[in-house]
Amino acid sequence: MGGSAENRRTPVGGIPHDLEARGWRARLLTWMDRLPEAESEYRVGTHFSSNDGDLQEGLAGVLARQQRFREALPLLNRAIELGSPQK
């Protein structure tokens, strides 16, 4: 694993384009019921990758858990259109 020790210690927030890390951080925050923080992570991820069905689905789930169904539904529909690379 290359890179300096300084680079390895950079928090996810400092690397907005590391979508995989952001996705996992958002999932963990969701599982911890830290929904506003999870929403923020998902929104950054979807900003950089609007064609990622997993991120769209994750954001929709967080919004639904906050009873924000009108915002969640279009994201779910978009996630269905995009499909999921893991499925």
Protein backbone atom coordinates (compact mmCIF):
# COMPACT_ATOMS: atom_id res chain seq x y z
CA MET A 1 0.00 0.00 0.00
CA GLY A 2 1.65 3.15 -1.19
CA GLY A 3 1.35 6.71 -0.03
CA SER A 4 2.74 8.61 2.87
CA ALA A 5 1.57 8.21 6.45
CA GLU A 6 0.07 11.69 6.18
CA ASN A 7 -2.12 10.65 3.24
CA ARG A 8 -3.33 7.53 5.03
CA ARG A 9 -4.51 9.65 7.97
CA THR A 10 -6.56 12.09 5.89
CA PRO A 11 -10.20 11.96 7.04
CA VAL A 12 -12.84 11.00 4.49
CA GLY A 13 -14.20 14.54 4.60
CA GLY A 14 -10.91 15.71 3.11
CA ILE A 15 -11.25 13.41 0.09
CA PRO A 16 -14.65 14.16 -1.46
CA HIS A 17 -13.97 12.04 -4.54
CA ASP A 18 -13.37 8.81 -2.56
CA LEU A 19 -16.91 7.62 -3.14
CA GLU A 20 -16.42 4.12 -1.81
CA ALA A 21 -15.18 5.45 1.53
CA ARG A 22 -18.00 7.99 1.66
CA GLY A 23 -20.56 5.29 0.91
CA TRP A 24 -19.30 3.08 3.72
CA ARG A 25 -19.13 6.01 6.12
CA ALA A 26 -22.71 6.95 5.22
CA ARG A 27 -23.85 3.36 5.82
CA LEU A 28 -22.16 3.26 9.21
CA LEU A 29 -23.69 6.57 10.21
CA THR A 30 -27.10 5.26 9.14
CA TRP A 31 -26.66 2.10 11.21
CA MET A 32 -25.68 4.31 14.16
CA ASP A 33 -28.89 6.34 13.62
CA ARG A 34 -26.87 9.48 12.90
CA LEU A 35 -29.14 10.32 10.01
CA PRO A 36 -28.28 13.99 9.35
CA GLU A 37 -24.59 13.07 9.07
CA ALA A 38 -25.40 10.07 6.87
CA GLU A 39 -27.54 12.27 4.63
CA SER A 40 -24.66 14.71 4.26
CA GLU A 41 -22.24 11.94 3.25
CA TYR A 42 -24.71 10.50 0.74
CA ARG A 43 -25.37 13.94 -0.74
CA VAL A 44 -21.67 14.56 -1.31
CA GLY A 45 -21.38 11.12 -2.91
CA THR A 46 -24.37 11.63 -5.19
CA HIS A 47 -23.03 15.07 -6.15
CA PHE A 48 -19.83 13.50 -7.45
CA SER A 49 -21.49 10.37 -8.87
CA SER A 50 -25.12 10.92 -9.80
CA ASN A 51 -25.19 7.58 -11.65
CA ASP A 52 -24.43 5.42 -8.61
CA GLY A 53 -27.58 3.47 -7.77
CA ASP A 54 -26.26 2.36 -4.38
CA LEU A 55 -25.68 5.94 -3.26
CA GLN A 56 -29.11 6.98 -4.55
CA GLU A 57 -30.74 4.09 -2.70
CA GLY A 58 -28.81 4.86 0.49
CA LEU A 59 -29.81 8.52 0.45
CA ALA A 60 -33.43 7.54 -0.20
CA GLY A 61 -33.34 5.18 2.77
CA VAL A 62 -32.00 7.87 5.08
CA LEU A 63 -34.65 10.32 3.93
CA ALA A 64 -37.40 7.71 4.37
CA ARG A 65 -36.22 7.01 7.92
CA GLN A 66 -36.66 10.73 8.56
CA GLN A 67 -40.24 10.54 7.18
CA ARG A 68 -39.20 12.58 4.12
CA PHE A 69 -40.94 10.32 1.64
CA ARG A 70 -41.53 12.93 -1.08
CA GLU A 71 -37.79 13.47 -1.31
CA ALA A 72 -37.00 9.75 -1.08
CA LEU A 73 -39.31 8.46 -3.82
CA PRO A 74 -37.59 10.10 -6.83
CA LEU A 75 -34.23 8.85 -5.54
CA LEU A 76 -35.58 5.30 -5.24
CA ASN A 77 -36.94 5.50 -8.77
CA ARG A 78 -33.56 6.74 -9.99
CA ALA A 79 -31.79 3.90 -8.16
CA ILE A 80 -34.08 1.40 -9.87
CA GLU A 81 -33.31 2.95 -13.27
CA LEU A 82 -29.59 2.78 -12.61
CA GLY A 83 -29.55 -0.65 -11.05
CA SER A 84 -26.88 -1.69 -8.62
CA PRO A 85 -23.42 -2.87 -9.71
CA GLN A 86 -23.35 -5.27 -6.73
CA LYS A 87 -26.58 -7.10 -7.67
